[in-house]
Amino acid sequence: MQTRAVISEFLGTLLLVFFAVGSAVLGVEYIGTLGIALAFGFTLLALAYTLGPISGCHVNPAVTLGMLVARRIDVRTAVTYWVAQLVGGIVGAALLFLLAKQVPGLRTSGSFGSNGYGGRSAVGINIGGAFLAELVLTFLLVFVVLGVTHRVAVTGFDGLPIGIALAVIHLVGIPLTGTSVNPARSLGPALFAGGGALSQLWLFIVAPMVGGALAALVHQVTHPVGEERVIADKASAA
């Protein structure tokens, strides 16, 4: 386990929360849902090219779980990544909270870019619908990550489909739950939003993790290990 890989996961998650969630907290009135979705997609795309060769740029416990289930990383690496990601999400949210407090009249309690269902959902989706939505949306993200990467790292053009997938996921998910698909992204803002955001946080930890694990299991069926090696060899020879 390289120290710089752990630092990369911490820093990447911090930056994802600060900039992407920040677009929702600070700029929703100016950029709307489309702008927020693009902020998440573009931020992850930039981080994938920057940190991918170092840590794989998971910046998401659900992605790390997918990599673990797919046997691309060991348990020790997964646990270390999870700690780095969760701490990074909290620190990123703390920095965003500090910045938001400098904006007169900006309310941070109750929402603060957190996720929710029922009365905290734009369309009022119930708990079952929220769980299903987060599971399926996370499934797509992790399935794409596993599909375009042959090992652990994001290299070459791998970051492009991952960033596009996250942007599309947010276009669908923002009206439903605010879109989590990432427990670390949900934890930080919920800690500072308090109230309903904290009481509903469990769903945005459990559902994405289940979606990530399912994506890895399905990926093993659609992309057998032997076939992945053949594809990788062909790509290297091209």
C-alpha atoms as a PDB file:
ATOM      1  CA  MET A   1       0.000   0.000   0.000  1.00  0.00           C
ATOM      2  CA  GLN A   2       1.556   3.253  -1.132  1.00  0.00           C
ATOM      3  CA  THR A   3       1.066   6.281   1.088  1.00  0.00           C
ATOM      4  CA  ARG A   4       0.534   8.493  -1.935  1.00  0.00           C
ATOM      5  CA  ALA A   5      -2.367   6.283  -3.075  1.00  0.00           C
ATOM      6  CA  VAL A   6      -4.124   6.806   0.259  1.00  0.00           C
ATOM      7  CA  ILE A   7      -3.437  10.527   0.138  1.00  0.00           C
ATOM      8  CA  SER A   8      -4.824  10.603  -3.410  1.00  0.00           C
ATOM      9  CA  GLU A   9      -8.079   8.978  -2.292  1.00  0.00           C
ATOM     10  CA  PHE A  10      -8.380  11.443   0.595  1.00  0.00           C
ATOM     11  CA  LEU A  11      -7.614  14.454  -1.594  1.00  0.00           C
ATOM     12  CA  GLY A  12      -9.772  13.287  -4.497  1.00  0.00           C
ATOM     13  CA  THR A  13     -12.831  12.754  -2.302  1.00  0.00           C
ATOM     14  CA  LEU A  14     -12.232  16.091  -0.584  1.00  0.00           C
ATOM     15  CA  LEU A  15     -12.122  17.912  -3.927  1.00  0.00           C
ATOM     16  CA  LEU A  16     -15.140  16.050  -5.304  1.00  0.00           C
ATOM     17  CA  VAL A  17     -17.255  17.072  -2.312  1.00  0.00           C
ATOM     18  CA  PHE A  18     -15.983  20.639  -2.194  1.00  0.00           C
ATOM     19  CA  PHE A  19     -16.456  21.431  -5.884  1.00  0.00           C
ATOM     20  CA  ALA A  20     -19.313  19.156  -6.950  1.00  0.00           C
ATOM     21  CA  VAL A  21     -21.466  19.433  -3.831  1.00  0.00           C
ATOM     22  CA  GLY A  22     -20.388  23.073  -3.702  1.00  0.00           C
ATOM     23  CA  SER A  23     -22.064  23.632  -7.060  1.00  0.00           C
ATOM     24  CA  ALA A  24     -25.351  22.590  -5.456  1.00  0.00           C
ATOM     25  CA  VAL A  25     -24.850  24.555  -2.253  1.00  0.00           C
ATOM     26  CA  LEU A  26     -23.535  27.769  -3.788  1.00  0.00           C
ATOM     27  CA  GLY A  27     -24.671  27.811  -7.397  1.00  0.00           C
ATOM     28  CA  VAL A  28     -27.970  25.990  -7.847  1.00  0.00           C
ATOM     29  CA  GLU A  29     -29.834  29.238  -8.571  1.00  0.00           C
ATOM     30  CA  TYR A  30     -27.398  30.070 -11.354  1.00  0.00           C
ATOM     31  CA  ILE A  31     -26.537  26.732 -12.975  1.00  0.00           C
ATOM     32  CA  GLY A  32     -29.574  24.557 -12.223  1.00  0.00           C
ATOM     33  CA  THR A  33     -29.762  20.761 -12.255  1.00  0.00           C
ATOM     34  CA  LEU A  34     -27.847  20.435 -15.516  1.00  0.00           C
ATOM     35  CA  GLY A  35     -25.000  22.543 -14.179  1.00  0.00           C
ATOM     36  CA  ILE A  36     -24.776  20.494 -10.989  1.00  0.00           C
ATOM     37  CA  ALA A  37     -24.765  17.236 -12.958  1.00  0.00           C
ATOM     38  CA  LEU A  38     -21.971  18.542 -15.180  1.00  0.00           C
ATOM     39  CA  ALA A  39     -20.036  19.748 -12.132  1.00  0.00           C
ATOM     40  CA  PHE A  40     -20.038  16.227 -10.694  1.00  0.00           C
ATOM     41  CA  GLY A  41     -19.164  14.640 -14.030  1.00  0.00           C
ATOM     42  CA  PHE A  42     -16.412  17.085 -14.958  1.00  0.00           C
ATOM     43  CA  THR A  43     -14.886  17.047 -11.468  1.00  0.00           C
ATOM     44  CA  LEU A  44     -14.657  13.261 -11.493  1.00  0.00           C
ATOM     45  CA  LEU A  45     -13.312  13.326 -15.055  1.00  0.00           C
ATOM     46  CA  ALA A  46     -10.535  15.742 -14.079  1.00  0.00           C
ATOM     47  CA  LEU A  47      -9.693  13.734 -10.969  1.00  0.00           C
ATOM     48  CA  ALA A  48      -9.637  10.486 -12.947  1.00  0.00           C
ATOM     49  CA  TYR A  49      -6.907  11.803 -15.231  1.00  0.00           C
ATOM     50  CA  THR A  50      -5.010  13.359 -12.330  1.00  0.00           C
ATOM     51  CA  LEU A  51      -5.246  10.660  -9.664  1.00  0.00           C
ATOM     52  CA  GLY A  52      -6.181   7.586 -11.685  1.00  0.00           C
ATOM     53  CA  PRO A  53      -2.586   6.472 -12.307  1.00  0.00           C
ATOM     54  CA  ILE A  54      -1.799   6.796  -8.581  1.00  0.00           C
ATOM     55  CA  SER A  55      -4.736   5.235  -6.711  1.00  0.00           C
ATOM     56  CA  GLY A  56      -7.260   4.339  -9.384  1.00  0.00           C
ATOM     57  CA  CYS A  57      -9.292   7.406  -8.383  1.00  0.00           C
ATOM     58  CA  HIS A  58     -12.061   5.489  -6.667  1.00  0.00           C
ATOM     59  CA  VAL A  59     -12.999   8.480  -4.429  1.00  0.00           C
ATOM     60  CA  ASN A  60     -16.106   6.462  -3.564  1.00  0.00           C
ATOM     61  CA  PRO A  61     -16.521   3.578  -1.081  1.00  0.00           C
ATOM     62  CA  ALA A  62     -18.986   1.862  -3.436  1.00  0.00           C
ATOM     63  CA  VAL A  63     -16.402   1.817  -6.231  1.00  0.00           C
ATOM     64  CA  THR A  64     -13.801   0.449  -3.826  1.00  0.00           C
ATOM     65  CA  LEU A  65     -16.232  -2.276  -2.743  1.00  0.00           C
ATOM     66  CA  GLY A  66     -16.806  -3.129  -6.396  1.00  0.00           C
ATOM     67  CA  MET A  67     -13.060  -3.442  -6.908  1.00  0.00           C
ATOM     68  CA  LEU A  68     -12.829  -5.643  -3.807  1.00  0.00           C
ATOM     69  CA  VAL A  69     -15.638  -7.969  -4.908  1.00  0.00           C
ATOM     70  CA  ALA A  70     -14.060  -8.128  -8.364  1.00  0.00           C
ATOM     71  CA  ARG A  71     -10.805  -9.193  -6.643  1.00  0.00           C
ATOM     72  CA  ARG A  72      -8.774  -6.338  -8.033  1.00  0.00           C
ATOM     73  CA  ILE A  73      -7.725  -5.120  -4.579  1.00  0.00           C
ATOM     74  CA  ASP A  74      -7.308  -6.827  -1.218  1.00  0.00           C
ATOM     75  CA  VAL A  75      -9.265  -6.211   1.989  1.00  0.00           C
ATOM     76  CA  ARG A  76      -6.508  -4.154   3.584  1.00  0.00           C
ATOM     77  CA  THR A  77      -6.371  -1.788   0.622  1.00  0.00           C
ATOM     78  CA  ALA A  78     -10.158  -1.484   0.577  1.00  0.00           C
ATOM     79  CA  VAL A  79     -10.372  -0.620   4.284  1.00  0.00           C
ATOM     80  CA  THR A  80      -7.576   1.942   3.974  1.00  0.00           C
ATOM     81  CA  TYR A  81      -9.276   3.524   0.963  1.00  0.00           C
ATOM     82  CA  TRP A  82     -12.616   3.651   2.797  1.00  0.00           C
ATOM     83  CA  VAL A  83     -11.095   5.498   5.743  1.00  0.00           C
ATOM     84  CA  ALA A  84      -9.326   7.960   3.433  1.00  0.00           C
ATOM     85  CA  GLN A  85     -12.507   8.563   1.421  1.00  0.00           C
ATOM     86  CA  LEU A  86     -14.763   9.105   4.424  1.00  0.00           C
ATOM     87  CA  VAL A  87     -12.313  11.462   6.082  1.00  0.00           C
ATOM     88  CA  GLY A  88     -11.809  13.269   2.779  1.00  0.00           C
ATOM     89  CA  GLY A  89     -15.571  13.685   2.378  1.00  0.00           C
ATOM     90  CA  ILE A  90     -15.885  15.156   5.857  1.00  0.00           C
ATOM     91  CA  VAL A  91     -12.975  17.570   5.378  1.00  0.00           C
ATOM     92  CA  GLY A  92     -14.293  18.626   1.975  1.00  0.00           C
ATOM     93  CA  ALA A  93     -17.705  19.321   3.494  1.00  0.00           C
ATOM     94  CA  ALA A  94     -16.084  21.234   6.358  1.00  0.00           C
ATOM     95  CA  LEU A  95     -14.231  23.504   3.936  1.00  0.00           C
ATOM     96  CA  LEU A  96     -17.429  24.007   1.941  1.00  0.00           C
ATOM     97  CA  PHE A  97     -19.322  24.793   5.148  1.00  0.00           C
ATOM     98  CA  LEU A  98     -16.698  27.376   6.099  1.00  0.00           C
ATOM     99  CA  LEU A  99     -16.991  29.005   2.662  1.00  0.00           C
ATOM    100  CA  ALA A 100     -20.799  28.938   2.716  1.00  0.00           C
ATOM    101  CA  LYS A 101     -20.797  30.755   6.052  1.00  0.00           C
ATOM    102  CA  GLN A 102     -19.102  33.693   4.337  1.00  0.00           C
ATOM    103  CA  VAL A 103     -22.113  34.148   2.032  1.00  0.00           C
ATOM    104  CA  PRO A 104     -24.727  36.423   3.678  1.00  0.00           C
ATOM    105  CA  GLY A 105     -28.146  34.815   3.970  1.00  0.00           C
ATOM    106  CA  LEU A 106     -27.076  31.383   2.718  1.00  0.00           C
ATOM    107  CA  ARG A 107     -28.752  28.676   4.796  1.00  0.00           C
ATOM    108  CA  THR A 108     -26.642  25.635   5.612  1.00  0.00           C
ATOM    109  CA  SER A 109     -28.832  23.738   8.096  1.00  0.00           C
ATOM    110  CA  GLY A 110     -31.260  21.097   6.873  1.00  0.00           C
ATOM    111  CA  SER A 111     -30.030  20.790   3.295  1.00  0.00           C
ATOM    112  CA  PHE A 112     -26.417  21.737   2.522  1.00  0.00           C
ATOM    113  CA  GLY A 113     -26.259  19.508  -0.560  1.00  0.00           C
ATOM    114  CA  SER A 114     -27.321  16.450   1.436  1.00  0.00           C
ATOM    115  CA  ASN A 115     -29.440  13.589   0.132  1.00  0.00           C
ATOM    116  CA  GLY A 116     -32.956  12.662   1.159  1.00  0.00           C
ATOM    117  CA  TYR A 117     -36.287  11.016   0.497  1.00  0.00           C
ATOM    118  CA  GLY A 118     -39.885  11.775   1.441  1.00  0.00           C
ATOM    119  CA  GLY A 119     -40.183  15.443   2.351  1.00  0.00           C
ATOM    120  CA  ARG A 120     -36.484  15.925   1.612  1.00  0.00           C
ATOM    121  CA  SER A 121     -36.861  14.788  -1.998  1.00  0.00           C
ATOM    122  CA  ALA A 122     -37.792  17.216  -4.784  1.00  0.00           C
ATOM    123  CA  VAL A 123     -40.396  14.749  -6.079  1.00  0.00           C
ATOM    124  CA  GLY A 124     -41.269  13.232  -2.675  1.00  0.00           C
ATOM    125  CA  ILE A 125     -39.954   9.752  -3.485  1.00  0.00           C
ATOM    126  CA  ASN A 126     -40.579   7.238  -0.696  1.00  0.00           C
ATOM    127  CA  ILE A 127     -37.965   5.212   1.138  1.00  0.00           C
ATOM    128  CA  GLY A 128     -38.332   2.144  -1.080  1.00  0.00           C
ATOM    129  CA  GLY A 129     -38.072   4.190  -4.245  1.00  0.00           C
ATOM    130  CA  ALA A 130     -35.034   6.039  -2.926  1.00  0.00           C
ATOM    131  CA  PHE A 131     -33.280   2.780  -2.056  1.00  0.00           C
ATOM    132  CA  LEU A 132     -34.005   1.325  -5.493  1.00  0.00           C
ATOM    133  CA  ALA A 133     -32.905   4.512  -7.256  1.00  0.00           C
ATOM    134  CA  GLU A 134     -29.601   4.716  -5.383  1.00  0.00           C
ATOM    135  CA  LEU A 135     -28.947   1.021  -5.916  1.00  0.00           C
ATOM    136  CA  VAL A 136     -29.523   1.176  -9.684  1.00  0.00           C
ATOM    137  CA  LEU A 137     -27.701   4.485 -10.173  1.00  0.00           C
ATOM    138  CA  THR A 138     -24.676   3.214  -8.238  1.00  0.00           C
ATOM    139  CA  PHE A 139     -24.826  -0.051 -10.180  1.00  0.00           C
ATOM    140  CA  LEU A 140     -24.390   1.900 -13.408  1.00  0.00           C
ATOM    141  CA  LEU A 141     -21.450   3.917 -12.083  1.00  0.00           C
ATOM    142  CA  VAL A 142     -19.531   0.946 -10.682  1.00  0.00           C
ATOM    143  CA  PHE A 143     -20.343  -1.239 -13.702  1.00  0.00           C
ATOM    144  CA  VAL A 144     -18.910   1.423 -16.013  1.00  0.00           C
ATOM    145  CA  VAL A 145     -15.804   1.844 -13.847  1.00  0.00           C
ATOM    146  CA  LEU A 146     -15.170  -1.909 -13.831  1.00  0.00           C
ATOM    147  CA  GLY A 147     -15.924  -2.189 -17.533  1.00  0.00           C
ATOM    148  CA  VAL A 148     -13.501   0.463 -18.749  1.00  0.00           C
ATOM    149  CA  THR A 149     -10.657  -0.403 -16.365  1.00  0.00           C
ATOM    150  CA  HIS A 150      -8.802  -3.685 -16.701  1.00  0.00           C
ATOM    151  CA  ARG A 151      -7.086  -3.521 -13.342  1.00  0.00           C
ATOM    152  CA  VAL A 152      -7.294  -0.902 -10.590  1.00  0.00           C
ATOM    153  CA  ALA A 153      -6.082   2.311 -12.200  1.00  0.00           C
ATOM    154  CA  VAL A 154      -7.949   4.657 -14.506  1.00  0.00           C
ATOM    155  CA  THR A 155      -5.720   5.280 -17.522  1.00  0.00           C
ATOM    156  CA  GLY A 156      -5.962   6.580 -21.087  1.00  0.00           C
ATOM    157  CA  PHE A 157      -9.519   7.494 -22.016  1.00  0.00           C
ATOM    158  CA  ASP A 158     -11.021   5.526 -19.117  1.00  0.00           C
ATOM    159  CA  GLY A 159     -11.988   8.721 -17.309  1.00  0.00           C
ATOM    160  CA  LEU A 160     -14.257   9.984 -20.082  1.00  0.00           C
ATOM    161  CA  PRO A 161     -17.045   7.359 -19.849  1.00  0.00           C
ATOM    162  CA  ILE A 162     -16.833   7.439 -16.059  1.00  0.00           C
ATOM    163  CA  GLY A 163     -17.319  11.201 -15.954  1.00  0.00           C
ATOM    164  CA  ILE A 164     -20.144  11.045 -18.495  1.00  0.00           C
ATOM    165  CA  ALA A 165     -21.844   8.272 -16.527  1.00  0.00           C
ATOM    166  CA  LEU A 166     -21.723  10.287 -13.297  1.00  0.00           C
ATOM    167  CA  ALA A 167     -23.193  13.342 -15.046  1.00  0.00           C
ATOM    168  CA  VAL A 168     -26.074  11.294 -16.498  1.00  0.00           C
ATOM    169  CA  ILE A 169     -26.639   9.626 -13.134  1.00  0.00           C
ATOM    170  CA  HIS A 170     -27.050  13.046 -11.532  1.00  0.00           C
ATOM    171  CA  LEU A 171     -29.448  14.248 -14.206  1.00  0.00           C
ATOM    172  CA  VAL A 172     -31.718  11.348 -13.278  1.00  0.00           C
ATOM    173  CA  GLY A 173     -31.030  11.231  -9.555  1.00  0.00           C
ATOM    174  CA  ILE A 174     -31.051  14.872  -8.450  1.00  0.00           C
ATOM    175  CA  PRO A 175     -34.864  15.204  -8.554  1.00  0.00           C
ATOM    176  CA  LEU A 176     -35.221  11.858  -6.764  1.00  0.00           C
ATOM    177  CA  THR A 177     -32.748  11.881  -3.885  1.00  0.00           C
ATOM    178  CA  GLY A 178     -30.243  14.604  -4.676  1.00  0.00           C
ATOM    179  CA  THR A 179     -28.050  11.738  -5.935  1.00  0.00           C
ATOM    180  CA  SER A 180     -25.619  10.042  -3.627  1.00  0.00           C
ATOM    181  CA  VAL A 181     -24.136   6.931  -5.319  1.00  0.00           C
ATOM    182  CA  ASN A 182     -21.224   7.650  -2.970  1.00  0.00           C
ATOM    183  CA  PRO A 183     -21.399   7.192   0.839  1.00  0.00           C
ATOM    184  CA  ALA A 184     -18.435   9.543   1.386  1.00  0.00           C
ATOM    185  CA  ARG A 185     -20.163  12.262  -0.644  1.00  0.00           C
ATOM    186  CA  SER A 186     -23.297  11.825   1.511  1.00  0.00           C
ATOM    187  CA  LEU A 187     -21.621  11.594   4.913  1.00  0.00           C
ATOM    188  CA  GLY A 188     -19.788  14.930   4.900  1.00  0.00           C
ATOM    189  CA  PRO A 189     -22.709  17.209   3.937  1.00  0.00           C
ATOM    190  CA  ALA A 190     -25.126  15.315   6.217  1.00  0.00           C
ATOM    191  CA  LEU A 191     -22.920  15.951   9.249  1.00  0.00           C
ATOM    192  CA  PHE A 192     -23.161  19.696   8.670  1.00  0.00           C
ATOM    193  CA  ALA A 193     -26.804  19.744   7.548  1.00  0.00           C
ATOM    194  CA  GLY A 194     -27.985  17.821  10.612  1.00  0.00           C
ATOM    195  CA  GLY A 195     -31.604  16.953  11.305  1.00  0.00           C
ATOM    196  CA  GLY A 196     -33.321  14.864   8.628  1.00  0.00           C
ATOM    197  CA  ALA A 197     -30.124  14.572   6.618  1.00  0.00           C
ATOM    198  CA  LEU A 198     -28.512  12.583   9.433  1.00  0.00           C
ATOM    199  CA  SER A 199     -31.553  10.417  10.187  1.00  0.00           C
ATOM    200  CA  GLN A 200     -31.802   9.388   6.521  1.00  0.00           C
ATOM    201  CA  LEU A 201     -28.046   9.003   5.975  1.00  0.00           C
ATOM    202  CA  TRP A 202     -28.101   5.222   6.478  1.00  0.00           C
ATOM    203  CA  LEU A 203     -29.904   4.713   3.159  1.00  0.00           C
ATOM    204  CA  PHE A 204     -27.262   6.645   1.252  1.00  0.00           C
ATOM    205  CA  ILE A 205     -24.570   4.453   2.747  1.00  0.00           C
ATOM    206  CA  VAL A 206     -26.268   1.059   2.417  1.00  0.00           C
ATOM    207  CA  ALA A 207     -27.930   1.389  -1.008  1.00  0.00           C
ATOM    208  CA  PRO A 208     -24.804   2.546  -2.891  1.00  0.00           C
ATOM    209  CA  MET A 209     -22.716  -0.207  -1.287  1.00  0.00           C
ATOM    210  CA  VAL A 210     -25.277  -2.842  -2.308  1.00  0.00           C
ATOM    211  CA  GLY A 211     -25.374  -1.388  -5.832  1.00  0.00           C
ATOM    212  CA  GLY A 212     -21.581  -1.445  -6.055  1.00  0.00           C
ATOM    213  CA  ALA A 213     -21.355  -5.076  -4.920  1.00  0.00           C
ATOM    214  CA  LEU A 214     -24.079  -6.159  -7.360  1.00  0.00           C
ATOM    215  CA  ALA A 215     -22.320  -4.359 -10.210  1.00  0.00           C
ATOM    216  CA  ALA A 216     -19.138  -6.299  -9.481  1.00  0.00           C
ATOM    217  CA  LEU A 217     -20.995  -9.622  -9.420  1.00  0.00           C
ATOM    218  CA  VAL A 218     -22.766  -8.916 -12.711  1.00  0.00           C
ATOM    219  CA  HIS A 219     -19.541  -7.657 -14.252  1.00  0.00           C
ATOM    220  CA  GLN A 220     -17.890 -11.004 -13.510  1.00  0.00           C
ATOM    221  CA  VAL A 221     -20.591 -12.644 -15.619  1.00  0.00           C
ATOM    222  CA  THR A 222     -20.558 -10.193 -18.531  1.00  0.00           C
ATOM    223  CA  HIS A 223     -16.778  -9.677 -18.516  1.00  0.00           C
ATOM    224  CA  PRO A 224     -15.047 -12.919 -17.491  1.00  0.00           C
ATOM    225  CA  VAL A 225     -11.442 -12.554 -16.348  1.00  0.00           C
ATOM    226  CA  GLY A 226     -10.044 -14.430 -19.347  1.00  0.00           C
ATOM    227  CA  GLU A 227     -11.978 -12.259 -21.774  1.00  0.00           C
ATOM    228  CA  GLU A 228     -10.748  -9.075 -20.082  1.00  0.00           C
ATOM    229  CA  ARG A 229      -7.161 -10.215 -20.554  1.00  0.00           C
ATOM    230  CA  VAL A 230      -7.742 -10.856 -24.244  1.00  0.00           C
ATOM    231  CA  ILE A 231      -9.280  -7.398 -24.674  1.00  0.00           C
ATOM    232  CA  ALA A 232      -6.402  -5.813 -22.770  1.00  0.00           C
ATOM    233  CA  ASP A 233      -3.838  -7.633 -24.925  1.00  0.00           C
ATOM    234  CA  LYS A 234      -5.574  -6.512 -28.116  1.00  0.00           C
ATOM    235  CA  ALA A 235      -5.665  -2.923 -26.854  1.00  0.00           C
ATOM    236  CA  SER A 236      -1.966  -3.052 -26.027  1.00  0.00           C
ATOM    237  CA  ALA A 237      -1.109  -4.427 -29.451  1.00  0.00           C
ATOM    238  CA  ALA A 238      -3.173  -1.844 -31.304  1.00  0.00           C
END
